Protein backbone atom coordinates (compact mmCIF):
# COMPACT_ATOMS: atom_id res chain seq x y z
CA UNK A 1 -25.76 13.34 -9.06
CA UNK A 2 -25.59 11.60 -5.71
CA UNK A 3 -24.79 7.95 -4.98
CA UNK A 4 -27.38 5.56 -3.58
CA UNK A 5 -28.36 7.45 -0.48
CA UNK A 6 -30.06 4.72 1.51
CA UNK A 7 -26.85 2.93 2.43
CA UNK A 8 -25.74 2.61 6.05
CA UNK A 9 -22.70 4.85 5.59
CA UNK A 10 -24.89 7.89 4.87
CA UNK A 11 -26.85 7.84 8.14
CA UNK A 12 -25.31 11.20 9.11
CA UNK A 13 -26.94 12.79 6.07
CA UNK A 14 -30.31 11.08 6.44
CA UNK A 15 -32.24 14.25 7.30
CA UNK A 16 -30.88 15.99 4.18
CA UNK A 17 -31.71 12.98 2.02
CA UNK A 18 -35.30 13.00 3.27
CA UNK A 19 -35.60 16.76 2.78
CA UNK A 20 -34.31 16.50 -0.79
CA UNK A 21 -36.65 13.64 -1.62
CA UNK A 22 -39.56 15.61 -0.17
CA UNK A 23 -38.55 18.66 -2.20
CA UNK A 24 -38.31 16.60 -5.38
CA UNK A 25 -41.77 15.16 -4.72
CA UNK A 26 -43.27 18.65 -5.05
CA UNK A 27 -44.51 20.18 -8.27
CA UNK A 28 -42.08 20.77 -11.12
CA UNK A 29 -42.27 24.58 -11.23
CA UNK A 30 -40.69 25.30 -7.81
CA UNK A 31 -37.93 22.77 -8.53
CA UNK A 32 -37.31 24.37 -11.92
CA UNK A 33 -36.63 27.68 -10.18
CA UNK A 34 -34.06 26.17 -7.81
CA UNK A 35 -36.14 25.55 -4.71
CA UNK A 36 -34.21 22.32 -4.01
CA UNK A 37 -30.73 23.65 -4.81
CA UNK A 38 -29.82 24.68 -1.25
CA UNK A 39 -30.81 21.30 0.12
CA UNK A 40 -28.90 19.57 -2.67
CA UNK A 41 -25.79 21.67 -1.96
CA UNK A 42 -25.99 20.87 1.76
CA UNK A 43 -26.36 17.18 0.94
CA UNK A 44 -23.33 17.34 -1.34
CA UNK A 45 -21.26 18.87 1.47
CA UNK A 46 -22.46 16.23 3.92
CA UNK A 47 -21.64 13.40 1.50
CA UNK A 48 -18.22 14.92 0.86
CA UNK A 49 -17.51 14.94 4.59
CA UNK A 50 -18.62 11.29 4.87
CA UNK A 51 -16.26 10.40 2.02
CA UNK A 52 -13.36 12.30 3.61
CA UNK A 53 -13.96 10.62 6.96
CA UNK A 54 -14.05 7.19 5.32
CA UNK A 55 -10.85 7.93 3.38
CA UNK A 56 -9.10 9.05 6.57
CA UNK A 57 -10.20 5.91 8.40
CA UNK A 58 -9.06 3.70 5.52
CA UNK A 59 -5.70 5.46 5.43
CA UNK A 60 -5.19 4.88 9.16
CA UNK A 61 -6.08 1.20 8.79
CA UNK A 62 -3.69 0.87 5.84
CA UNK A 63 -0.88 2.45 7.87
CA UNK A 64 -1.50 0.01 10.71
CA UNK A 65 -1.48 -2.95 8.29
CA UNK A 66 1.72 -1.69 6.67
CA UNK A 67 3.40 -1.24 10.05
CA UNK A 68 2.45 -4.79 11.06
CA UNK A 69 3.71 -6.12 7.72
CA UNK A 70 7.06 -4.33 8.04
CA UNK A 71 7.41 -5.64 11.60
CA UNK A 72 6.79 -9.17 10.35
CA UNK A 73 9.38 -8.72 7.58
CA UNK A 74 11.87 -7.53 10.20
CA UNK A 75 11.13 -10.62 12.31
CA UNK A 76 11.64 -12.90 9.30
CA UNK A 77 14.95 -11.22 8.46
CA UNK A 78 16.11 -11.57 12.07
CA UNK A 79 15.17 -15.26 12.04
CA UNK A 80 17.11 -15.73 8.81
CA UNK A 81 20.17 -13.53 9.40
CA UNK A 82 20.30 -13.21 13.19
CA UNK A 83 19.83 -10.18 15.38
CA UNK A 84 20.70 -6.88 13.70
CA UNK A 85 21.16 -8.77 10.41
CA UNK A 86 24.57 -10.02 11.56
CA UNK A 87 25.01 -12.72 8.89
CA UNK A 88 23.86 -10.43 6.08
CA UNK A 89 26.40 -7.78 7.10
CA UNK A 90 29.17 -10.39 7.11
CA UNK A 91 28.15 -11.56 3.64
CA UNK A 92 28.29 -7.97 2.34
CA UNK A 93 31.82 -7.49 3.67
CA UNK A 94 33.10 -10.67 2.07
């Protein structure tokens, strides 16, 4: 079962979507004997690649957001405790 295939993110697979819809529009007998299976398998591989690409892009964005967040935390700590956490280190020693 495939997701809704007319979304913008599946534009790379549009030719396979159209071919599968055209195949499914044919008579039942050829479909029953697996005439559409190769097209369906190719579409599945295409959709899998789209999903992997989206996951990779999301992971890269998440890493960038995390890096910016950690940098901000470091700036806040430096504002609070001074450069290189000087006041915090003194408090630990005491």
